[in-house]
């Protein structure tokens, strides 16, 4: 394990670190390497010119400066995917674009993600949580990921896109395949699975748009799809291709990160029982607990930018064209910003984590993710205050960018009276 390495060994590993050449020990626990990188090589350059950032202030600088650091991935993904469905999807979606496309899409969808708009969804989401916990109570056990955390965001985003419940079966697998292709290194099989998933999802959504426009879908749902289809401003209108790819993005972004937030959060409560007891004694601490979960085990560990002008990060010159990886997982444990960052503490007075990014590309669904995390984890704590680790161990997802679990079995014990 990475924890077992001496400081000298960690320093040597950090000196030659390349995010595209990591081993299983790193994937299990990247934080010791991140710590040494942050301390000794905060603006770390690999032999082929990639820059890897680990300090909070450096990430914040890049996030805020969208003039010098671009989110457009056409060059990078062209090299990675070639002329493929993955290239089309990822270069059309909101997150991997600069204005004006980024601005057009974000303005369309943001009204559905404001805290006020989400109050409408809260009762619907609470009912989903309770239904899944009812099923778990009958079994006496639950896999936090497969039977709880992954089901909830698929249902919520499915509702927002107006996708009938009986048609949501393939959504999670499509999402995992498409997001899996964003890892720093992918296999040929993963790339093929990702391309096929984009094709299948796009074909489905194309047919879904036709039905939605024709009024053949329950219009009590589909809040986000309705906003994307509005024609109030023809200059800001989206093509069908842009709508389809951004619907895929919304499902993927809302699914994977929220699943990881719930799974990682429950893991934190089990690893830090004193903090868990604080939340159980005072439910008002659940909101800051969610923020600490986001900081301590960020669902999305890595971001990317490309320098579009000669510039500087810290005291290091950055040439135009340089590819930059922003290590959110490292920045969120920066002792220059967070006191005692390697420990999970829900009562932090300030928590300036970067789990949702910053600047114009801050996560559009951050309020929804917080709501889902609070209701899911709060519901589990309320219904089953004595839940515990099961005999079978949890299984990590084994990915560098998206940190979470594939499986996390727990025993529920007796429900609360």
Protein backbone atom coordinates (compact mmCIF):
# COMPACT_ATOMS: atom_id res chain seq x y z
CA UNK A 1 0.00 0.00 0.00
CA UNK A 2 1.08 3.61 -0.55
CA UNK A 3 0.84 4.23 3.20
CA UNK A 4 3.66 1.76 3.81
CA UNK A 5 6.27 3.63 1.77
CA UNK A 6 8.97 5.62 3.56
CA UNK A 7 9.24 9.36 3.03
CA UNK A 8 12.29 8.77 0.84
CA UNK A 9 10.35 6.30 -1.33
CA UNK A 10 7.40 8.67 -1.55
CA UNK A 11 9.69 11.53 -2.58
CA UNK A 12 11.18 9.39 -5.34
CA UNK A 13 7.74 8.37 -6.58
CA UNK A 14 6.56 11.98 -6.54
CA UNK A 15 9.63 13.15 -8.45
CA UNK A 16 8.81 10.79 -11.33
CA UNK A 17 5.02 10.93 -10.96
CA UNK A 18 2.87 10.55 -14.07
CA UNK A 19 -0.92 10.30 -13.67
CA UNK A 20 -0.98 8.08 -16.77
CA UNK A 21 1.31 5.50 -15.15
CA UNK A 22 -0.15 4.81 -11.71
CA UNK A 23 -0.49 1.45 -9.95
CA UNK A 24 -3.18 -0.16 -7.82
CA UNK A 25 -1.61 1.04 -4.57
CA UNK A 26 -1.98 4.62 -5.76
CA UNK A 27 -5.60 4.07 -6.83
CA UNK A 28 -6.39 2.62 -3.40
CA UNK A 29 -4.92 5.64 -1.61
CA UNK A 30 -3.42 8.50 -3.66
CA UNK A 31 -3.19 11.01 -0.80
CA UNK A 32 0.37 10.31 0.46
CA UNK A 33 1.72 10.88 -3.07
CA UNK A 34 -0.45 13.97 -3.43
CA UNK A 35 0.95 15.32 -0.15
CA UNK A 36 4.56 14.98 -1.27
CA UNK A 37 3.78 16.46 -4.69
CA UNK A 38 2.10 19.43 -3.04
CA UNK A 39 5.04 19.95 -0.68
CA UNK A 40 7.93 19.38 -3.08
CA UNK A 41 6.66 19.54 -6.67
CA UNK A 42 3.44 21.63 -6.61
CA UNK A 43 3.75 22.56 -10.31
CA UNK A 44 4.98 19.17 -11.47
CA UNK A 45 5.94 18.65 -15.10
CA UNK A 46 6.18 15.23 -16.73
CA UNK A 47 8.80 14.54 -19.44
CA UNK A 48 6.24 15.08 -22.24
CA UNK A 49 5.23 18.49 -20.87
CA UNK A 50 2.00 17.76 -18.95
CA UNK A 51 1.71 19.94 -15.82
CA UNK A 52 0.12 18.46 -12.67
CA UNK A 53 -1.10 20.95 -10.04
CA UNK A 54 -1.73 20.10 -6.38
CA UNK A 55 -1.91 23.40 -4.43
CA UNK A 56 -5.29 24.95 -3.66
CA UNK A 57 -4.20 28.45 -4.70
CA UNK A 58 -2.91 27.23 -8.06
CA UNK A 59 -6.13 25.39 -8.88
CA UNK A 60 -8.14 28.42 -7.84
CA UNK A 61 -6.03 30.64 -10.15
CA UNK A 62 -6.61 28.36 -13.14
CA UNK A 63 -10.33 27.93 -12.45
CA UNK A 64 -10.84 31.69 -12.31
CA UNK A 65 -8.77 32.53 -15.40
CA UNK A 66 -10.76 31.14 -18.33
CA UNK A 67 -9.04 33.56 -20.70
CA UNK A 68 -5.61 31.94 -20.32
CA UNK A 69 -6.79 28.41 -19.47
CA UNK A 70 -9.30 26.78 -21.79
CA UNK A 71 -11.76 24.00 -21.06
CA UNK A 72 -12.17 23.22 -24.77
CA UNK A 73 -10.89 19.67 -25.33
CA UNK A 74 -11.06 19.34 -29.11
CA UNK A 75 -7.27 19.14 -29.48
CA UNK A 76 -6.70 16.82 -26.52
CA UNK A 77 -9.65 14.53 -27.23
CA UNK A 78 -8.87 14.49 -30.92
CA UNK A 79 -5.57 12.86 -30.06
CA UNK A 80 -7.18 10.53 -27.53
CA UNK A 81 -10.36 9.40 -29.32
CA UNK A 82 -9.90 10.30 -33.00
CA UNK A 83 -13.01 10.84 -35.10
CA UNK A 84 -15.42 8.92 -32.86
CA UNK A 85 -18.65 9.12 -30.89
CA UNK A 86 -16.71 9.78 -27.67
CA UNK A 87 -15.03 12.75 -29.34
CA UNK A 88 -18.40 14.12 -30.52
CA UNK A 89 -19.96 13.71 -27.09
CA UNK A 90 -17.21 15.11 -24.91
CA UNK A 91 -16.47 18.08 -27.18
CA UNK A 92 -20.16 19.04 -27.35
CA UNK A 93 -21.00 18.75 -23.66
CA UNK A 94 -21.16 21.71 -21.30
CA UNK A 95 -18.13 20.89 -19.17
CA UNK A 96 -15.56 20.58 -21.96
CA UNK A 97 -16.39 23.81 -23.76
CA UNK A 98 -15.70 27.51 -23.51
CA UNK A 99 -18.14 30.31 -24.25
CA UNK A 100 -20.23 30.80 -26.32
CA UNK A 101 -21.50 27.15 -26.33
CA UNK A 102 -20.84 26.79 -22.61
CA UNK A 103 -22.79 29.98 -21.92
CA UNK A 104 -25.75 28.97 -24.11
CA UNK A 105 -26.16 25.57 -22.48
CA UNK A 106 -25.61 26.76 -18.93
CA UNK A 107 -28.17 29.55 -19.24
CA UNK A 108 -30.69 27.03 -20.52
CA UNK A 109 -30.37 24.56 -17.67
CA UNK A 110 -29.55 26.69 -14.61
CA UNK A 111 -33.18 27.62 -13.77
CA UNK A 112 -33.83 23.92 -13.06
CA UNK A 113 -30.93 23.71 -10.59
CA UNK A 114 -31.51 26.74 -8.37
CA UNK A 115 -32.20 25.96 -4.68
CA UNK A 116 -35.73 27.32 -5.12
CA UNK A 117 -36.45 25.04 -8.08
CA UNK A 118 -35.04 22.04 -6.23
CA UNK A 119 -37.55 22.41 -3.39
CA UNK A 120 -40.05 20.91 -5.85
CA UNK A 121 -37.83 17.85 -6.22
CA UNK A 122 -37.13 17.41 -2.52
CA UNK A 123 -40.34 15.55 -1.64
CA UNK A 124 -39.94 13.35 -4.72
CA UNK A 125 -36.36 12.51 -3.75
CA UNK A 126 -37.27 11.81 -0.11
CA UNK A 127 -39.88 9.32 -1.30
CA UNK A 128 -37.23 7.56 -3.44
CA UNK A 129 -34.87 7.33 -0.45
CA UNK A 130 -37.56 5.92 1.81
CA UNK A 131 -38.64 3.35 -0.78
CA UNK A 132 -35.09 2.04 -1.18
CA UNK A 133 -34.60 1.93 2.59
CA UNK A 134 -37.89 0.01 2.93
CA UNK A 135 -36.52 -2.61 0.54
CA UNK A 136 -33.23 -2.72 2.44
CA UNK A 137 -35.06 -3.19 5.74
CA UNK A 138 -36.74 -6.30 4.39
CA UNK A 139 -33.34 -7.74 3.44
CA UNK A 140 -31.56 -6.62 6.62
CA UNK A 141 -28.55 -5.52 4.59
CA UNK A 142 -27.72 -3.26 1.68
CA UNK A 143 -25.01 -2.60 -0.83
CA UNK A 144 -24.66 1.16 -0.49
CA UNK A 145 -23.61 1.54 -4.12
CA UNK A 146 -25.63 -0.90 -6.20
CA UNK A 147 -28.83 -0.86 -4.12
CA UNK A 148 -28.91 2.75 -2.94
CA UNK A 149 -26.42 5.41 -4.04
CA UNK A 150 -26.41 4.65 -7.78
CA UNK A 151 -30.17 4.24 -8.00
CA UNK A 152 -31.04 7.64 -6.59
CA UNK A 153 -29.33 10.05 -9.03
CA UNK A 154 -30.39 7.95 -12.03
CA UNK A 155 -34.01 8.35 -10.94
CA UNK A 156 -33.69 12.08 -10.26
CA UNK A 157 -31.94 12.93 -13.54
CA UNK A 158 -34.27 10.49 -15.31
CA UNK A 159 -37.18 12.52 -13.97
CA UNK A 160 -35.58 15.82 -15.01
CA UNK A 161 -35.12 14.51 -18.55
CA UNK A 162 -38.61 13.01 -18.64
CA UNK A 163 -37.33 9.46 -19.24
CA UNK A 164 -40.03 6.90 -18.37
CA UNK A 165 -39.12 4.78 -15.33
CA UNK A 166 -39.38 1.53 -17.24
CA UNK A 167 -36.79 2.76 -19.77
CA UNK A 168 -34.03 3.69 -17.29
CA UNK A 169 -32.41 0.26 -17.05
CA UNK A 170 -29.42 0.91 -19.36
CA UNK A 171 -28.64 4.41 -18.09
CA UNK A 172 -26.10 3.53 -15.39
CA UNK A 173 -24.07 1.22 -17.61
CA UNK A 174 -24.02 3.81 -20.38
CA UNK A 175 -22.87 6.42 -17.88
CA UNK A 176 -20.08 4.27 -16.42
CA UNK A 177 -18.77 3.45 -19.89
CA UNK A 178 -18.75 7.04 -21.15
CA UNK A 179 -17.16 8.45 -17.99
CA UNK A 180 -14.70 5.57 -17.75
CA UNK A 181 -13.25 6.70 -21.07
CA UNK A 182 -12.19 9.97 -19.39
CA UNK A 183 -9.57 8.18 -17.28
CA UNK A 184 -5.98 9.28 -18.04
CA UNK A 185 -5.30 5.89 -19.68
CA UNK A 186 -7.95 3.63 -21.21
CA UNK A 187 -7.90 0.20 -22.81
CA UNK A 188 -9.14 -0.51 -26.31
CA UNK A 189 -12.06 -2.40 -24.75
CA UNK A 190 -13.00 0.59 -22.57
CA UNK A 191 -12.85 2.91 -25.56
CA UNK A 192 -15.08 0.60 -27.62
CA UNK A 193 -17.55 0.28 -24.75
CA UNK A 194 -17.62 4.07 -24.39
CA UNK A 195 -18.23 4.67 -28.10
CA UNK A 196 -20.98 2.06 -28.24
CA UNK A 197 -22.62 3.59 -25.18
CA UNK A 198 -22.62 7.09 -26.71
CA UNK A 199 -24.20 5.64 -29.87
CA UNK A 200 -26.91 3.75 -27.99
CA UNK A 201 -27.67 6.62 -25.61
CA UNK A 202 -27.81 9.13 -28.49
CA UNK A 203 -30.15 6.94 -30.51
CA UNK A 204 -32.43 6.52 -27.51
CA UNK A 205 -32.48 10.26 -26.73
CA UNK A 206 -33.16 11.15 -30.37
CA UNK A 207 -36.32 9.03 -30.24
CA UNK A 208 -37.13 10.41 -26.79
CA UNK A 209 -36.98 14.00 -28.09
CA UNK A 210 -39.48 13.17 -30.82
CA UNK A 211 -41.91 11.69 -28.26
CA UNK A 212 -41.36 14.57 -25.81
CA UNK A 213 -42.09 17.21 -28.44
CA UNK A 214 -45.18 15.33 -29.55
CA UNK A 215 -46.53 15.32 -25.99
CA UNK A 216 -46.30 11.52 -25.67
CA UNK A 217 -44.21 11.79 -22.48
CA UNK A 218 -45.56 12.72 -19.04
CA UNK A 219 -44.91 16.50 -18.99
CA UNK A 220 -45.11 16.66 -15.19
CA UNK A 221 -41.50 15.49 -15.43
CA UNK A 222 -38.76 16.61 -17.83
CA UNK A 223 -37.96 19.96 -16.19
CA UNK A 224 -34.50 20.21 -17.72
CA UNK A 225 -35.43 18.85 -21.13
CA UNK A 226 -38.23 21.39 -21.33
CA UNK A 227 -35.75 24.21 -20.68
CA UNK A 228 -33.36 22.92 -23.34
CA UNK A 229 -36.21 22.82 -25.87
CA UNK A 230 -37.50 26.34 -25.20
CA UNK A 231 -37.45 28.65 -28.24
CA UNK A 232 -37.69 32.02 -26.49
CA UNK A 233 -34.29 33.11 -27.77
CA UNK A 234 -33.47 31.80 -31.23
CA UNK A 235 -29.87 33.04 -30.98
CA UNK A 236 -29.35 30.81 -27.95
CA UNK A 237 -31.22 27.82 -29.36
CA UNK A 238 -29.51 24.44 -29.24
CA UNK A 239 -29.39 22.00 -32.12
CA UNK A 240 -30.77 18.52 -31.54
CA UNK A 241 -27.19 17.18 -31.42
CA UNK A 242 -26.24 19.71 -28.75
CA UNK A 243 -29.34 18.83 -26.75
CA UNK A 244 -28.74 15.10 -26.98
CA UNK A 245 -25.07 15.30 -25.96
CA UNK A 246 -25.80 17.64 -23.07
CA UNK A 247 -28.61 15.41 -21.82
CA UNK A 248 -26.07 12.58 -21.78
CA UNK A 249 -23.66 14.84 -19.92
CA UNK A 250 -26.28 15.76 -17.30
CA UNK A 251 -27.07 12.13 -16.61
CA UNK A 252 -23.39 11.20 -16.40
CA UNK A 253 -22.33 14.15 -14.26
CA UNK A 254 -25.29 13.83 -11.92
CA UNK A 255 -24.99 10.08 -11.61
CA UNK A 256 -21.32 9.31 -11.01
CA UNK A 257 -20.40 12.18 -8.72
CA UNK A 258 -23.50 11.86 -6.52
CA UNK A 259 -23.12 8.09 -6.28
CA UNK A 260 -19.54 8.63 -5.12
CA UNK A 261 -20.56 11.37 -2.68
CA UNK A 262 -23.05 9.07 -0.97
CA UNK A 263 -20.75 6.03 -0.96
CA UNK A 264 -17.65 7.96 0.15
CA UNK A 265 -19.68 9.83 2.76
CA UNK A 266 -20.98 6.66 4.36
CA UNK A 267 -17.44 5.29 4.32
CA UNK A 268 -16.23 8.42 6.16
CA UNK A 269 -18.87 8.03 8.86
CA UNK A 270 -17.82 4.42 9.40
CA UNK A 271 -14.11 5.30 9.52
CA UNK A 272 -14.64 8.22 11.91
CA UNK A 273 -17.22 7.04 14.47
CA UNK A 274 -16.80 10.11 16.72
CA UNK A 275 -17.83 12.37 13.85
CA UNK A 276 -20.74 10.06 13.04
CA UNK A 277 -21.99 10.34 16.62
CA UNK A 278 -21.87 14.14 16.39
CA UNK A 279 -24.21 14.08 13.39
CA UNK A 280 -26.52 11.60 15.08
CA UNK A 281 -26.74 13.79 18.18
CA UNK A 282 -27.23 16.98 16.17
CA UNK A 283 -28.84 16.58 12.70
CA UNK A 284 -28.08 20.26 11.99
CA UNK A 285 -24.48 19.13 11.47
CA UNK A 286 -25.49 17.10 8.42
CA UNK A 287 -24.98 20.04 6.03
CA UNK A 288 -21.38 20.76 7.13
CA UNK A 289 -20.80 17.00 7.21
CA UNK A 290 -21.69 16.80 3.50
CA UNK A 291 -19.19 19.60 2.77
CA UNK A 292 -16.49 17.72 4.67
CA UNK A 293 -17.28 14.52 2.77
CA UNK A 294 -16.89 16.46 -0.47
CA UNK A 295 -13.54 17.84 0.70
CA UNK A 296 -12.08 14.73 2.29
CA UNK A 297 -12.96 12.23 -0.45
CA UNK A 298 -13.77 14.31 -3.53
CA UNK A 299 -15.95 12.40 -5.97
CA UNK A 300 -14.13 13.97 -8.91
CA UNK A 301 -10.40 14.03 -8.20
CA UNK A 302 -9.04 15.50 -11.43
CA UNK A 303 -9.81 18.33 -13.84
CA UNK A 304 -8.08 19.51 -17.01
CA UNK A 305 -7.26 22.75 -18.79
CA UNK A 306 -5.08 23.85 -21.72
CA UNK A 307 -3.01 27.02 -21.65
CA UNK A 308 -4.03 29.19 -24.61
CA UNK A 309 -1.38 31.85 -23.97
CA UNK A 310 2.06 32.04 -22.40
CA UNK A 311 1.36 32.56 -18.72
CA UNK A 312 2.54 31.68 -15.23
CA UNK A 313 1.39 29.52 -12.30
CA UNK A 314 3.08 30.48 -9.07
CA UNK A 315 6.67 31.22 -10.09
CA UNK A 316 6.63 28.70 -12.97
CA UNK A 317 6.35 29.81 -16.60
CA UNK A 318 3.66 27.96 -18.58
CA UNK A 319 3.92 27.89 -22.35
CA UNK A 320 0.94 28.23 -24.66
CA UNK A 321 -0.43 24.79 -25.52
CA UNK A 322 0.54 23.16 -22.21
CA UNK A 323 -1.93 20.54 -20.95
CA UNK A 324 -2.71 20.99 -17.27
CA UNK A 325 -4.21 18.52 -14.80
CA UNK A 326 -5.83 20.06 -11.74
CA UNK A 327 -5.69 17.65 -8.80
CA UNK A 328 -8.79 18.46 -6.77
CA UNK A 329 -8.11 15.60 -4.35
CA UNK A 330 -4.73 17.12 -3.43
CA UNK A 331 -5.93 20.74 -3.27
CA UNK A 332 -8.73 19.77 -0.90
CA UNK A 333 -6.12 18.55 1.59
CA UNK A 334 -3.85 21.57 1.35
CA UNK A 335 -2.75 22.55 4.90
CA UNK A 336 -2.37 26.13 3.70
CA UNK A 337 -6.17 26.27 3.52
CA UNK A 338 -7.46 23.46 5.76
CA UNK A 339 -6.36 22.85 9.34
CA UNK A 340 -5.46 19.19 10.00
CA UNK A 341 -6.51 18.30 6.44
CA UNK A 342 -5.81 14.55 6.67
CA UNK A 343 -8.57 14.11 9.24
CA UNK A 344 -12.31 14.15 8.69
CA UNK A 345 -13.85 16.95 10.77
CA UNK A 346 -17.44 17.96 10.21
CA UNK A 347 -17.32 21.11 12.36
CA UNK A 348 -14.82 23.06 10.24
CA UNK A 349 -15.60 26.75 10.58
CA UNK A 350 -14.75 27.32 6.90
CA UNK A 351 -14.53 24.72 4.16
CA UNK A 352 -13.33 26.23 0.89
CA UNK A 353 -13.11 22.91 -0.93
CA UNK A 354 -12.94 22.71 -4.71
CA UNK A 355 -15.05 19.58 -5.14
CA UNK A 356 -17.37 21.52 -7.46
CA UNK A 357 -14.60 23.48 -9.18
CA UNK A 358 -14.80 27.28 -9.33
CA UNK A 359 -15.29 30.11 -11.79
CA UNK A 360 -17.55 29.89 -14.83
CA UNK A 361 -17.23 26.10 -14.86
CA UNK A 362 -18.32 25.52 -11.27
CA UNK A 363 -20.67 22.53 -11.22
CA UNK A 364 -24.15 23.48 -12.43
CA UNK A 365 -25.70 20.74 -10.31
CA UNK A 366 -23.93 21.48 -7.03
CA UNK A 367 -27.16 22.33 -5.18
CA UNK A 368 -28.77 19.12 -6.43
CA UNK A 369 -25.76 17.03 -5.38
CA UNK A 370 -25.82 18.54 -1.89
CA UNK A 371 -29.55 17.90 -1.61
CA UNK A 372 -29.22 14.29 -2.74
CA UNK A 373 -26.30 13.65 -0.39
CA UNK A 374 -28.07 15.19 2.57
CA UNK A 375 -31.34 13.32 2.07
CA UNK A 376 -29.72 9.96 1.28
CA UNK A 377 -27.16 9.92 4.09
CA UNK A 378 -29.54 11.61 6.51
CA UNK A 379 -32.23 9.05 5.72
CA UNK A 380 -29.88 6.14 6.33
CA UNK A 381 -28.68 7.60 9.66
CA UNK A 382 -32.23 8.21 10.80
CA UNK A 383 -33.66 4.85 9.81
CA UNK A 384 -30.67 2.67 10.71
CA UNK A 385 -28.50 4.51 13.26
CA UNK A 386 -26.47 1.37 14.03
CA UNK A 387 -25.56 0.39 10.46
CA UNK A 388 -22.14 -1.27 10.26
CA UNK A 389 -19.65 -2.70 7.81
CA UNK A 390 -20.63 -6.10 6.41
CA UNK A 391 -18.32 -9.12 6.44
CA UNK A 392 -17.63 -8.79 2.72
CA UNK A 393 -15.19 -5.90 2.16
CA UNK A 394 -16.02 -2.88 -0.02
CA UNK A 395 -14.58 -2.77 -3.54
CA UNK A 396 -13.00 0.43 -4.83
CA UNK A 397 -13.76 1.60 -8.36
CA UNK A 398 -10.08 1.53 -9.31
CA UNK A 399 -10.11 4.85 -11.14
CA UNK A 400 -7.93 7.94 -10.74
CA UNK A 401 -10.39 10.62 -11.91
CA UNK A 402 -13.60 9.45 -10.26
CA UNK A 403 -12.99 8.21 -6.73
CA UNK A 404 -15.63 5.91 -5.34
CA UNK A 405 -16.72 2.33 -4.80
CA UNK A 406 -18.19 -0.33 -7.05
CA UNK A 407 -19.60 -2.16 -4.04
CA UNK A 408 -19.98 -1.28 -0.35
CA UNK A 409 -22.01 -3.81 1.65
CA UNK A 410 -23.36 -2.82 5.07
CA UNK A 411 -25.47 -4.49 7.75
CA UNK A 412 -28.43 -2.42 8.86
CA UNK A 413 -29.18 -3.88 12.31
CA UNK A 414 -32.52 -2.94 13.86
CA UNK A 415 -34.30 0.13 12.48
CA UNK A 416 -34.82 3.14 14.72
CA UNK A 417 -37.98 3.07 16.76
